[in-house]
C-alpha cells in the first residue's frame, strides 16, 4: 500500500512515532493506493507541478494497527480524476506508526 506526501508534510506530520498527514483532520483518514500503477496516476493528477519533492511512502498494512477500509475515492482537490475509474482506494483510519513504514522514496525514483 502506498501514500503520497509532500516532503515538508511528511516531516511535519510526525509526533510520538506516528505520522498523521495535515488532511487527516479534514478527511478523517489517510489517503492511500493499493498498487504502484494507481499511485503514479494519482501522483500525476494530484501532485503535478508541486513546488517541492513528492514522496511515496510504502506501508505494510498488517502493521498499521488501525482500521483500513477500501472505499470510493475522495479527491483532495474536489475533482473527479481519470484514475478513479470505478475503483476503491484504501483509507487508513488512524495515524501511521513508524513500524508500518516499509520505505520512503522520492516520486522521481518510484517504482
PDB file of N, CA and C in Angstrom:
ATOM      1  N   UNK A   1       0.858  -1.167   0.000  1.00  0.00           N
ATOM      2  CA  UNK A   1       0.000   0.000   0.000  1.00  0.00           C
ATOM      3  C   UNK A   1       0.903   1.227   0.000  1.00  0.00           C
ATOM      4  N   UNK A   2       0.446   2.289  -0.683  1.00  0.00           N
ATOM      5  CA  UNK A   2       1.277   3.481  -0.841  1.00  0.00           C
ATOM      6  C   UNK A   2       0.513   4.749  -0.463  1.00  0.00           C
ATOM      7  N   UNK A   3       1.247   5.680   0.133  1.00  0.00           N
ATOM      8  CA  UNK A   3       0.720   7.001   0.483  1.00  0.00           C
ATOM      9  C   UNK A   3       1.636   8.034  -0.150  1.00  0.00           C
ATOM     10  N   UNK A   4       1.068   9.096  -0.686  1.00  0.00           N
ATOM     11  CA  UNK A   4       1.839  10.188  -1.280  1.00  0.00           C
ATOM     12  C   UNK A   4       1.833  11.391  -0.349  1.00  0.00           C
ATOM     13  N   UNK A   5       2.976  12.041  -0.219  1.00  0.00           N
ATOM     14  CA  UNK A   5       3.060  13.228   0.640  1.00  0.00           C
ATOM     15  C   UNK A   5       4.149  14.162   0.140  1.00  0.00           C
ATOM     16  N   UNK A   6       3.927  15.440   0.303  1.00  0.00           N
ATOM     17  CA  UNK A   6       4.989  16.413   0.088  1.00  0.00           C
ATOM     18  C   UNK A   6       6.026  16.210   1.191  1.00  0.00           C
ATOM     19  N   UNK A   7       7.293  16.412   0.862  1.00  0.00           N
ATOM     20  CA  UNK A   7       8.366  16.185   1.832  1.00  0.00           C
ATOM     21  C   UNK A   7       8.153  16.986   3.122  1.00  0.00           C
ATOM     22  N   UNK A   8       7.710  18.227   2.998  1.00  0.00           N
ATOM     23  CA  UNK A   8       7.508  19.057   4.192  1.00  0.00           C
ATOM     24  C   UNK A   8       6.357  18.525   5.053  1.00  0.00           C
ATOM     25  N   UNK A   9       5.303  18.010   4.422  1.00  0.00           N
ATOM     26  CA  UNK A   9       4.180  17.448   5.180  1.00  0.00           C
ATOM     27  C   UNK A   9       4.590  16.157   5.890  1.00  0.00           C
ATOM     28  N   UNK A  10       5.391  15.350   5.205  1.00  0.00           N
ATOM     29  CA  UNK A  10       5.880  14.110   5.795  1.00  0.00           C
ATOM     30  C   UNK A  10       6.688  14.422   7.059  1.00  0.00           C
ATOM     31  N   UNK A  11       7.562  15.406   6.963  1.00  0.00           N
ATOM     32  CA  UNK A  11       8.390  15.788   8.113  1.00  0.00           C
ATOM     33  C   UNK A  11       7.540  16.379   9.244  1.00  0.00           C
ATOM     34  N   UNK A  12       6.614  17.252   8.903  1.00  0.00           N
ATOM     35  CA  UNK A  12       5.797  17.939   9.915  1.00  0.00           C
ATOM     36  C   UNK A  12       4.753  17.030  10.569  1.00  0.00           C
ATOM     37  N   UNK A  13       4.394  15.929   9.906  1.00  0.00           N
ATOM     38  CA  UNK A  13       3.318  15.074  10.408  1.00  0.00           C
ATOM     39  C   UNK A  13       3.704  14.080  11.483  1.00  0.00           C
ATOM     40  N   UNK A  14       4.970  14.048  11.870  1.00  0.00           N
ATOM     41  CA  UNK A  14       5.430  13.050  12.854  1.00  0.00           C
ATOM     42  C   UNK A  14       5.309  13.552  14.286  1.00  0.00           C
ATOM     43  N   UNK A  15       4.645  12.747  15.102  1.00  0.00           N
ATOM     44  CA  UNK A  15       4.521  13.016  16.543  1.00  0.00           C
ATOM     45  C   UNK A  15       4.535  11.673  17.260  1.00  0.00           C
ATOM     46  N   UNK A  16       5.384  11.535  18.233  1.00  0.00           N
ATOM     47  CA  UNK A  16       5.419  10.347  19.103  1.00  0.00           C
ATOM     48  C   UNK A  16       5.460   9.042  18.303  1.00  0.00           C
ATOM     49  N   UNK A  17       6.298   9.018  17.245  1.00  0.00           N
ATOM     50  CA  UNK A  17       6.478   7.798  16.476  1.00  0.00           C
ATOM     51  C   UNK A  17       5.357   7.453  15.518  1.00  0.00           C
ATOM     52  N   UNK A  18       4.486   8.423  15.257  1.00  0.00           N
ATOM     53  CA  UNK A  18       3.376   8.204  14.334  1.00  0.00           C
ATOM     54  C   UNK A  18       3.252   9.385  13.381  1.00  0.00           C
ATOM     55  N   UNK A  19       2.853   9.055  12.141  1.00  0.00           N
ATOM     56  CA  UNK A  19       2.649  10.082  11.131  1.00  0.00           C
ATOM     57  C   UNK A  19       1.161  10.303  10.922  1.00  0.00           C
ATOM     58  N   UNK A  20       0.763  11.561  10.950  1.00  0.00           N
ATOM     59  CA  UNK A  20      -0.607  11.954  10.652  1.00  0.00           C
ATOM     60  C   UNK A  20      -0.542  13.108   9.654  1.00  0.00           C
ATOM     61  N   UNK A  21      -1.053  12.899   8.432  1.00  0.00           N
ATOM     62  CA  UNK A  21      -0.995  13.975   7.437  1.00  0.00           C
ATOM     63  C   UNK A  21      -1.893  15.149   7.828  1.00  0.00           C
ATOM     64  N   UNK A  22      -1.588  16.306   7.295  1.00  0.00           N
ATOM     65  CA  UNK A  22      -2.353  17.519   7.594  1.00  0.00           C
ATOM     66  C   UNK A  22      -3.834  17.356   7.259  1.00  0.00           C
ATOM     67  N   UNK A  23      -4.167  16.630   6.198  1.00  0.00           N
ATOM     68  CA  UNK A  23      -5.559  16.458   5.771  1.00  0.00           C
ATOM     69  C   UNK A  23      -6.343  15.489   6.651  1.00  0.00           C
ATOM     70  N   UNK A  24      -5.689  14.811   7.571  1.00  0.00           N
ATOM     71  CA  UNK A  24      -6.376  13.814   8.387  1.00  0.00           C
ATOM     72  C   UNK A  24      -7.544  14.420   9.163  1.00  0.00           C
ATOM     73  N   UNK A  25      -7.321  15.585   9.716  1.00  0.00           N
ATOM     74  CA  UNK A  25      -8.387  16.235  10.490  1.00  0.00           C
ATOM     75  C   UNK A  25      -9.597  16.547   9.619  1.00  0.00           C
ATOM     76  N   UNK A  26      -9.363  16.945   8.383  1.00  0.00           N
ATOM     77  CA  UNK A  26     -10.442  17.260   7.446  1.00  0.00           C
ATOM     78  C   UNK A  26     -11.125  15.999   6.920  1.00  0.00           C
ATOM     79  N   UNK A  27     -10.320  15.023   6.482  1.00  0.00           N
ATOM     80  CA  UNK A  27     -10.853  13.833   5.822  1.00  0.00           C
ATOM     81  C   UNK A  27     -11.211  12.699   6.780  1.00  0.00           C
ATOM     82  N   UNK A  28     -10.511  12.607   7.905  1.00  0.00           N
ATOM     83  CA  UNK A  28     -10.769  11.545   8.871  1.00  0.00           C
ATOM     84  C   UNK A  28     -10.030  10.254   8.570  1.00  0.00           C
ATOM     85  N   UNK A  29      -9.177  10.263   7.567  1.00  0.00           N
ATOM     86  CA  UNK A  29      -8.391   9.084   7.209  1.00  0.00           C
ATOM     87  C   UNK A  29      -7.175   9.507   6.399  1.00  0.00           C
ATOM     88  N   UNK A  30      -6.261   8.553   6.187  1.00  0.00           N
ATOM     89  CA  UNK A  30      -5.077   8.764   5.365  1.00  0.00           C
ATOM     90  C   UNK A  30      -5.357   8.178   3.983  1.00  0.00           C
ATOM     91  N   UNK A  31      -5.191   8.977   2.946  1.00  0.00           N
ATOM     92  CA  UNK A  31      -5.393   8.536   1.559  1.00  0.00           C
ATOM     93  C   UNK A  31      -4.256   7.595   1.150  1.00  0.00           C
ATOM     94  N   UNK A  32      -4.594   6.467   0.519  1.00  0.00           N
ATOM     95  CA  UNK A  32      -3.586   5.522   0.039  1.00  0.00           C
ATOM     96  C   UNK A  32      -4.023   4.908  -1.285  1.00  0.00           C
ATOM     97  N   UNK A  33      -3.105   4.180  -1.885  1.00  0.00           N
ATOM     98  CA  UNK A  33      -3.354   3.419  -3.115  1.00  0.00           C
ATOM     99  C   UNK A  33      -2.855   1.996  -2.879  1.00  0.00           C
ATOM    100  N   UNK A  34      -3.468   1.047  -3.584  1.00  0.00           N
ATOM    101  CA  UNK A  34      -3.077  -0.354  -3.409  1.00  0.00           C
ATOM    102  C   UNK A  34      -1.902  -0.788  -4.267  1.00  0.00           C
ATOM    103  N   UNK A  35      -1.624  -0.088  -5.366  1.00  0.00           N
ATOM    104  CA  UNK A  35      -0.583  -0.569  -6.274  1.00  0.00           C
ATOM    105  C   UNK A  35       0.206   0.599  -6.853  1.00  0.00           C
ATOM    106  N   UNK A  36       1.359   0.252  -7.431  1.00  0.00           N
ATOM    107  CA  UNK A  36       2.266   1.269  -7.967  1.00  0.00           C
ATOM    108  C   UNK A  36       1.653   2.033  -9.129  1.00  0.00           C
ATOM    109  N   UNK A  37       0.969   1.340 -10.031  1.00  0.00           N
ATOM    110  CA  UNK A  37       0.387   1.995 -11.205  1.00  0.00           C
ATOM    111  C   UNK A  37      -0.630   3.061 -10.787  1.00  0.00           C
ATOM    112  N   UNK A  38      -1.504   2.727  -9.874  1.00  0.00           N
ATOM    113  CA  UNK A  38      -2.503   3.690  -9.402  1.00  0.00           C
ATOM    114  C   UNK A  38      -1.823   4.840  -8.661  1.00  0.00           C
ATOM    115  N   UNK A  39      -0.801   4.529  -7.886  1.00  0.00           N
ATOM    116  CA  UNK A  39      -0.059   5.565  -7.166  1.00  0.00           C
ATOM    117  C   UNK A  39       0.516   6.588  -8.136  1.00  0.00           C
ATOM    118  N   UNK A  40       1.076   6.112  -9.242  1.00  0.00           N
ATOM    119  CA  UNK A  40       1.632   7.025 -10.246  1.00  0.00           C
ATOM    120  C   UNK A  40       0.542   7.864 -10.906  1.00  0.00           C
ATOM    121  N   UNK A  41      -0.631   7.278 -11.157  1.00  0.00           N
ATOM    122  CA  UNK A  41      -1.741   8.039 -11.740  1.00  0.00           C
ATOM    123  C   UNK A  41      -2.241   9.106 -10.778  1.00  0.00           C
ATOM    124  N   UNK A  42      -2.366   8.750  -9.515  1.00  0.00           N
ATOM    125  CA  UNK A  42      -2.811   9.722  -8.507  1.00  0.00           C
ATOM    126  C   UNK A  42      -1.773  10.841  -8.371  1.00  0.00           C
ATOM    127  N   UNK A  43      -0.504  10.485  -8.373  1.00  0.00           N
ATOM    128  CA  UNK A  43       0.555  11.497  -8.269  1.00  0.00           C
ATOM    129  C   UNK A  43       0.490  12.474  -9.437  1.00  0.00           C
ATOM    130  N   UNK A  44       0.282  11.950 -10.642  1.00  0.00           N
ATOM    131  CA  UNK A  44       0.201  12.815 -11.820  1.00  0.00           C
ATOM    132  C   UNK A  44      -0.999  13.750 -11.739  1.00  0.00           C
ATOM    133  N   UNK A  45      -2.119  13.253 -11.226  1.00  0.00           N
ATOM    134  CA  UNK A  45      -3.328  14.068 -11.148  1.00  0.00           C
ATOM    135  C   UNK A  45      -3.310  15.057  -9.985  1.00  0.00           C
ATOM    136  N   UNK A  46      -2.708  14.660  -8.873  1.00  0.00           N
ATOM    137  CA  UNK A  46      -2.806  15.473  -7.659  1.00  0.00           C
ATOM    138  C   UNK A  46      -1.542  16.245  -7.297  1.00  0.00           C
ATOM    139  N   UNK A  47      -0.398  15.828  -7.827  1.00  0.00           N
ATOM    140  CA  UNK A  47       0.854  16.456  -7.407  1.00  0.00           C
ATOM    141  C   UNK A  47       1.670  17.033  -8.564  1.00  0.00           C
ATOM    142  N   UNK A  48       1.113  17.030  -9.772  1.00  0.00           N
ATOM    143  CA  UNK A  48       1.882  17.594 -10.884  1.00  0.00           C
ATOM    144  C   UNK A  48       2.095  19.084 -10.618  1.00  0.00           C
ATOM    145  N   UNK A  49       3.290  19.526 -10.846  1.00  0.00           N
ATOM    146  CA  UNK A  49       3.609  20.930 -10.602  1.00  0.00           C
ATOM    147  C   UNK A  49       3.865  21.268  -9.153  1.00  0.00           C
ATOM    148  N   UNK A  50       4.010  20.245  -8.289  1.00  0.00           N
ATOM    149  CA  UNK A  50       4.290  20.506  -6.873  1.00  0.00           C
ATOM    150  C   UNK A  50       5.585  21.296  -6.752  1.00  0.00           C
ATOM    151  N   UNK A  51       5.585  22.261  -5.872  1.00  0.00           N
ATOM    152  CA  UNK A  51       6.734  23.137  -5.700  1.00  0.00           C
ATOM    153  C   UNK A  51       7.861  22.484  -4.912  1.00  0.00           C
ATOM    154  N   UNK A  52       7.608  21.299  -4.376  1.00  0.00           N
ATOM    155  CA  UNK A  52       8.635  20.604  -3.612  1.00  0.00           C
ATOM    156  C   UNK A  52       8.572  19.113  -3.898  1.00  0.00           C
ATOM    157  N   UNK A  53       9.506  18.400  -3.340  1.00  0.00           N
ATOM    158  CA  UNK A  53       9.609  16.965  -3.590  1.00  0.00           C
ATOM    159  C   UNK A  53       8.384  16.211  -3.072  1.00  0.00           C
ATOM    160  N   UNK A  54       7.896  15.292  -3.901  1.00  0.00           N
ATOM    161  CA  UNK A  54       6.796  14.415  -3.519  1.00  0.00           C
ATOM    162  C   UNK A  54       7.403  13.062  -3.153  1.00  0.00           C
ATOM    163  N   UNK A  55       6.957  12.521  -2.030  1.00  0.00           N
ATOM    164  CA  UNK A  55       7.457  11.234  -1.551  1.00  0.00           C
ATOM    165  C   UNK A  55       6.397  10.156  -1.709  1.00  0.00           C
ATOM    166  N   UNK A  56       6.862   8.942  -1.976  1.00  0.00           N
ATOM    167  CA  UNK A  56       5.995   7.768  -1.982  1.00  0.00           C
ATOM    168  C   UNK A  56       6.366   6.965  -0.749  1.00  0.00           C
ATOM    169  N   UNK A  57       5.377   6.757   0.118  1.00  0.00           N
ATOM    170  CA  UNK A  57       5.598   6.023   1.353  1.00  0.00           C
ATOM    171  C   UNK A  57       4.943   4.661   1.208  1.00  0.00           C
ATOM    172  N   UNK A  58       5.751   3.613   1.234  1.00  0.00           N
ATOM    173  CA  UNK A  58       5.214   2.252   1.158  1.00  0.00           C
ATOM    174  C   UNK A  58       4.907   1.775   2.571  1.00  0.00           C
ATOM    175  N   UNK A  59       3.707   1.246   2.733  1.00  0.00           N
ATOM    176  CA  UNK A  59       3.237   0.820   4.048  1.00  0.00           C
ATOM    177  C   UNK A  59       2.949  -0.670   4.082  1.00  0.00           C
ATOM    178  N   UNK A  60       3.190  -1.289   5.228  1.00  0.00           N
ATOM    179  CA  UNK A  60       2.805  -2.673   5.474  1.00  0.00           C
ATOM    180  C   UNK A  60       1.468  -2.644   6.193  1.00  0.00           C
ATOM    181  N   UNK A  61       0.416  -2.982   5.470  1.00  0.00           N
ATOM    182  CA  UNK A  61      -0.937  -2.897   6.026  1.00  0.00           C
ATOM    183  C   UNK A  61      -1.091  -3.714   7.304  1.00  0.00           C
ATOM    184  N   UNK A  62      -0.409  -4.841   7.388  1.00  0.00           N
ATOM    185  CA  UNK A  62      -0.526  -5.714   8.563  1.00  0.00           C
ATOM    186  C   UNK A  62       0.034  -5.064   9.827  1.00  0.00           C
ATOM    187  N   UNK A  63       0.870  -4.042   9.674  1.00  0.00           N
ATOM    188  CA  UNK A  63       1.493  -3.391  10.829  1.00  0.00           C
ATOM    189  C   UNK A  63       0.852  -2.056  11.201  1.00  0.00           C
ATOM    190  N   UNK A  64      -0.219  -1.693  10.504  1.00  0.00           N
ATOM    191  CA  UNK A  64      -0.847  -0.391  10.770  1.00  0.00           C
ATOM    192  C   UNK A  64      -1.520  -0.323  12.140  1.00  0.00           C
ATOM    193  N   UNK A  65      -2.190  -1.385  12.538  1.00  0.00           N
ATOM    194  CA  UNK A  65      -2.839  -1.401  13.847  1.00  0.00           C
ATOM    195  C   UNK A  65      -4.086  -0.537  13.935  1.00  0.00           C
ATOM    196  N   UNK A  66      -4.585  -0.069  12.796  1.00  0.00           N
ATOM    197  CA  UNK A  66      -5.821   0.708  12.757  1.00  0.00           C
ATOM    198  C   UNK A  66      -6.668   0.193  11.592  1.00  0.00           C
ATOM    199  N   UNK A  67      -7.919   0.590  11.568  1.00  0.00           N
ATOM    200  CA  UNK A  67      -8.833   0.118  10.540  1.00  0.00           C
ATOM    201  C   UNK A  67      -8.456   0.670   9.161  1.00  0.00           C
ATOM    202  N   UNK A  68      -8.521  -0.206   8.169  1.00  0.00           N
ATOM    203  CA  UNK A  68      -8.331   0.177   6.768  1.00  0.00           C
ATOM    204  C   UNK A  68      -9.596  -0.239   6.033  1.00  0.00           C
ATOM    205  N   UNK A  69     -10.224   0.730   5.354  1.00  0.00           N
ATOM    206  CA  UNK A  69     -11.424   0.449   4.564  1.00  0.00           C
ATOM    207  C   UNK A  69     -11.113   0.750   3.107  1.00  0.00           C
ATOM    208  N   UNK A  70     -11.563  -0.107   2.237  1.00  0.00           N
ATOM    209  CA  UNK A  70     -11.457   0.156   0.794  1.00  0.00           C
ATOM    210  C   UNK A  70     -12.784   0.753   0.358  1.00  0.00           C
ATOM    211  N   UNK A  71     -12.697   2.022  -0.032  1.00  0.00           N
ATOM    212  CA  UNK A  71     -13.897   2.807  -0.288  1.00  0.00           C
ATOM    213  C   UNK A  71     -13.762   3.593  -1.586  1.00  0.00           C
ATOM    214  N   UNK A  72     -14.879   4.152  -2.010  1.00  0.00           N
ATOM    215  CA  UNK A  72     -14.873   5.039  -3.171  1.00  0.00           C
ATOM    216  C   UNK A  72     -13.880   6.166  -2.907  1.00  0.00           C
ATOM    217  N   UNK A  73     -13.250   6.664  -3.949  1.00  0.00           N
ATOM    218  CA  UNK A  73     -12.244   7.711  -3.772  1.00  0.00           C
ATOM    219  C   UNK A  73     -12.841   9.011  -3.258  1.00  0.00           C
ATOM    220  N   UNK A  74     -12.035   9.700  -2.494  1.00  0.00           N
ATOM    221  CA  UNK A  74     -12.354  11.046  -2.043  1.00  0.00           C
ATOM    222  C   UNK A  74     -11.210  11.914  -2.523  1.00  0.00           C
ATOM    223  N   UNK A  75     -11.483  12.765  -3.475  1.00  0.00           N
ATOM    224  CA  UNK A  75     -10.442  13.601  -4.062  1.00  0.00           C
ATOM    225  C   UNK A  75     -10.064  14.726  -3.117  1.00  0.00           C
ATOM    226  N   UNK A  76      -8.765  14.962  -2.983  1.00  0.00           N
ATOM    227  CA  UNK A  76      -8.307  16.035  -2.099  1.00  0.00           C
ATOM    228  C   UNK A  76      -8.518  17.408  -2.703  1.00  0.00           C
ATOM    229  N   UNK A  77      -8.710  17.477  -4.036  1.00  0.00           N
ATOM    230  CA  UNK A  77      -8.902  18.785  -4.660  1.00  0.00           C
ATOM    231  C   UNK A  77     -10.342  19.004  -5.142  1.00  0.00           C
ATOM    232  N   UNK A  78     -11.232  18.073  -4.804  1.00  0.00           N
ATOM    233  CA  UNK A  78     -12.640  18.219  -5.162  1.00  0.00           C
ATOM    234  C   UNK A  78     -12.993  17.773  -6.567  1.00  0.00           C
ATOM    235  N   UNK A  79     -12.009  17.397  -7.359  1.00  0.00           N
ATOM    236  CA  UNK A  79     -12.259  16.971  -8.740  1.00  0.00           C
ATOM    237  C   UNK A  79     -12.319  15.453  -8.824  1.00  0.00           C
ATOM    238  N   UNK A  80     -13.000  14.946  -9.832  1.00  0.00           N
ATOM    239  CA  UNK A  80     -13.002  13.519 -10.103  1.00  0.00           C
ATOM    240  C   UNK A  80     -11.977  13.281 -11.202  1.00  0.00           C
ATOM    241  N   UNK A  81     -10.999  12.462 -10.927  1.00  0.00           N
ATOM    242  CA  UNK A  81      -9.905  12.224 -11.862  1.00  0.00           C
ATOM    243  C   UNK A  81     -10.068  10.898 -12.591  1.00  0.00           C
ATOM    244  N   UNK A  82      -9.414  10.771 -13.720  1.00  0.00           N
ATOM    245  CA  UNK A  82      -9.495   9.559 -14.534  1.00  0.00           C
ATOM    246  C   UNK A  82      -8.998   8.328 -13.794  1.00  0.00           C
ATOM    247  N   UNK A  83      -8.072   8.494 -12.849  1.00  0.00           N
ATOM    248  CA  UNK A  83      -7.543   7.327 -12.140  1.00  0.00           C
ATOM    249  C   UNK A  83      -8.591   6.697 -11.215  1.00  0.00           C
ATOM    250  N   UNK A  84      -9.689   7.375 -10.991  1.00  0.00           N
ATOM    251  CA  UNK A  84     -10.728   6.828 -10.111  1.00  0.00           C
ATOM    252  C   UNK A  84     -11.485   5.692 -10.792  1.00  0.00           C
ATOM    253  N   UNK A  85     -11.812   5.819 -12.024  1.00  0.00           N
ATOM    254  CA  UNK A  85     -12.471   4.848 -12.891  1.00  0.00           C
ATOM    255  C   UNK A  85     -13.189   3.687 -12.189  1.00  0.00           C
ATOM    256  N   UNK A  86     -13.963   3.986 -11.181  1.00  0.00           N
ATOM    257  CA  UNK A  86     -14.799   2.994 -10.515  1.00  0.00           C
ATOM    258  C   UNK A  86     -14.105   2.156  -9.455  1.00  0.00           C
ATOM    259  N   UNK A  87     -12.819   2.337  -9.261  1.00  0.00           N
ATOM    260  CA  UNK A  87     -12.109   1.519  -8.268  1.00  0.00           C
ATOM    261  C   UNK A  87     -12.270   2.064  -6.861  1.00  0.00           C
ATOM    262  N   UNK A  88     -11.894   1.259  -5.890  1.00  0.00           N
ATOM    263  CA  UNK A  88     -11.888   1.686  -4.495  1.00  0.00           C
ATOM    264  C   UNK A  88     -10.433   1.898  -4.058  1.00  0.00           C
ATOM    265  N   UNK A  89     -10.272   2.695  -3.029  1.00  0.00           N
ATOM    266  CA  UNK A  89      -8.951   3.034  -2.520  1.00  0.00           C
ATOM    267  C   UNK A  89      -8.886   2.726  -1.030  1.00  0.00           C
ATOM    268  N   UNK A  90      -7.702   2.324  -0.539  1.00  0.00           N
ATOM    269  CA  UNK A  90      -7.566   2.095   0.902  1.00  0.00           C
ATOM    270  C   UNK A  90      -7.520   3.424   1.650  1.00  0.00           C
ATOM    271  N   UNK A  91      -8.353   3.517   2.654  1.00  0.00           N
ATOM    272  CA  UNK A  91      -8.376   4.663   3.554  1.00  0.00           C
ATOM    273  C   UNK A  91      -7.984   4.159   4.935  1.00  0.00           C
ATOM    274  N   UNK A  92      -6.952   4.737   5.505  1.00  0.00           N
ATOM    275  CA  UNK A  92      -6.419   4.316   6.793  1.00  0.00           C
ATOM    276  C   UNK A  92      -6.999   5.226   7.871  1.00  0.00           C
ATOM    277  N   UNK A  93      -7.777   4.639   8.775  1.00  0.00           N
ATOM    278  CA  UNK A  93      -8.498   5.415   9.786  1.00  0.00           C
ATOM    279  C   UNK A  93      -7.717   5.554  11.086  1.00  0.00           C
ATOM    280  N   UNK A  94      -6.554   6.125  10.987  1.00  0.00           N
ATOM    281  CA  UNK A  94      -5.731   6.402  12.153  1.00  0.00           C
ATOM    282  C   UNK A  94      -4.342   6.791  11.709  1.00  0.00           C
ATOM    283  N   UNK A  95      -3.510   7.218  12.642  1.00  0.00           N
ATOM    284  CA  UNK A  95      -2.144   7.595  12.317  1.00  0.00           C
ATOM    285  C   UNK A  95      -1.340   6.381  11.837  1.00  0.00           C
ATOM    286  N   UNK A  96      -0.285   6.652  11.089  1.00  0.00           N
ATOM    287  CA  UNK A  96       0.602   5.613  10.571  1.00  0.00           C
ATOM    288  C   UNK A  96       1.766   5.433  11.551  1.00  0.00           C
ATOM    289  N   UNK A  97       1.877   4.253  12.175  1.00  0.00           N
ATOM    290  CA  UNK A  97       3.018   4.045  13.079  1.00  0.00           C
ATOM    291  C   UNK A  97       4.310   3.850  12.282  1.00  0.00           C
ATOM    292  N   UNK A  98       5.416   4.273  12.845  1.00  0.00           N
ATOM    293  CA  UNK A  98       6.710   4.143  12.176  1.00  0.00           C
ATOM    294  C   UNK A  98       6.983   2.697  11.771  1.00  0.00           C
ATOM    295  N   UNK A  99       6.555   1.738  12.569  1.00  0.00           N
ATOM    296  CA  UNK A  99       6.801   0.323  12.281  1.00  0.00           C
ATOM    297  C   UNK A  99       6.140  -0.139  10.980  1.00  0.00           C
ATOM    298  N   UNK A 100       5.104   0.556  10.519  1.00  0.00           N
ATOM    299  CA  UNK A 100       4.385   0.161   9.304  1.00  0.00           C
ATOM    300  C   UNK A 100       5.018   0.750   8.044  1.00  0.00           C
ATOM    301  N   UNK A 101       5.982   1.644   8.197  1.00  0.00           N
ATOM    302  CA  UNK A 101       6.627   2.273   7.050  1.00  0.00           C
ATOM    303  C   UNK A 101       7.723   1.348   6.525  1.00  0.00           C
ATOM    304  N   UNK A 102       7.523   0.826   5.324  1.00  0.00           N
ATOM    305  CA  UNK A 102       8.481  -0.090   4.706  1.00  0.00           C
ATOM    306  C   UNK A 102       9.624   0.688   4.070  1.00  0.00           C
ATOM    307  N   UNK A 103       9.275   1.732   3.319  1.00  0.00           N
ATOM    308  CA  UNK A 103      10.286   2.580   2.688  1.00  0.00           C
ATOM    309  C   UNK A 103       9.656   3.895   2.267  1.00  0.00           C
ATOM    310  N   UNK A 104      10.524   4.875   2.099  1.00  0.00           N
ATOM    311  CA  UNK A 104      10.134   6.201   1.632  1.00  0.00           C
ATOM    312  C   UNK A 104      11.076   6.557   0.488  1.00  0.00           C
ATOM    313  N   UNK A 105      10.482   6.825  -0.689  1.00  0.00           N
ATOM    314  CA  UNK A 105      11.310   7.161  -1.850  1.00  0.00           C
ATOM    315  C   UNK A 105      10.740   8.390  -2.550  1.00  0.00           C
ATOM    316  N   UNK A 106      11.590   9.185  -3.181  1.00  0.00           N
ATOM    317  CA  UNK A 106      11.092  10.291  -3.977  1.00  0.00           C
ATOM    318  C   UNK A 106      10.257   9.749  -5.145  1.00  0.00           C
ATOM    319  N   UNK A 107       9.230  10.467  -5.515  1.00  0.00           N
ATOM    320  CA  UNK A 107       8.388  10.059  -6.626  1.00  0.00           C
ATOM    321  C   UNK A 107       9.227   9.841  -7.878  1.00  0.00           C
ATOM    322  N   UNK A 108      10.234  10.646  -8.069  1.00  0.00           N
ATOM    323  CA  UNK A 108      11.087  10.526  -9.258  1.00  0.00           C
ATOM    324  C   UNK A 108      11.836   9.195  -9.323  1.00  0.00           C
ATOM    325  N   UNK A 109      11.976   8.508  -8.201  1.00  0.00           N
ATOM    326  CA  UNK A 109      12.681   7.221  -8.147  1.00  0.00           C
ATOM    327  C   UNK A 109      11.726   6.038  -8.011  1.00  0.00           C
ATOM    328  N   UNK A 110      10.428   6.283  -8.088  1.00  0.00           N
ATOM    329  CA  UNK A 110       9.412   5.254  -7.896  1.00  0.00           C
ATOM    330  C   UNK A 110       8.937   4.758  -9.233  1.00  0.00           C
ATOM    331  N   UNK A 111       8.640   3.528  -9.439  1.00  0.00           N
ATOM    332  CA  UNK A 111       8.640   2.391  -8.527  1.00  0.00           C
ATOM    333  C   UNK A 111       9.967   1.787  -8.487  1.00  0.00           C
TER     334      UNK A 111
END
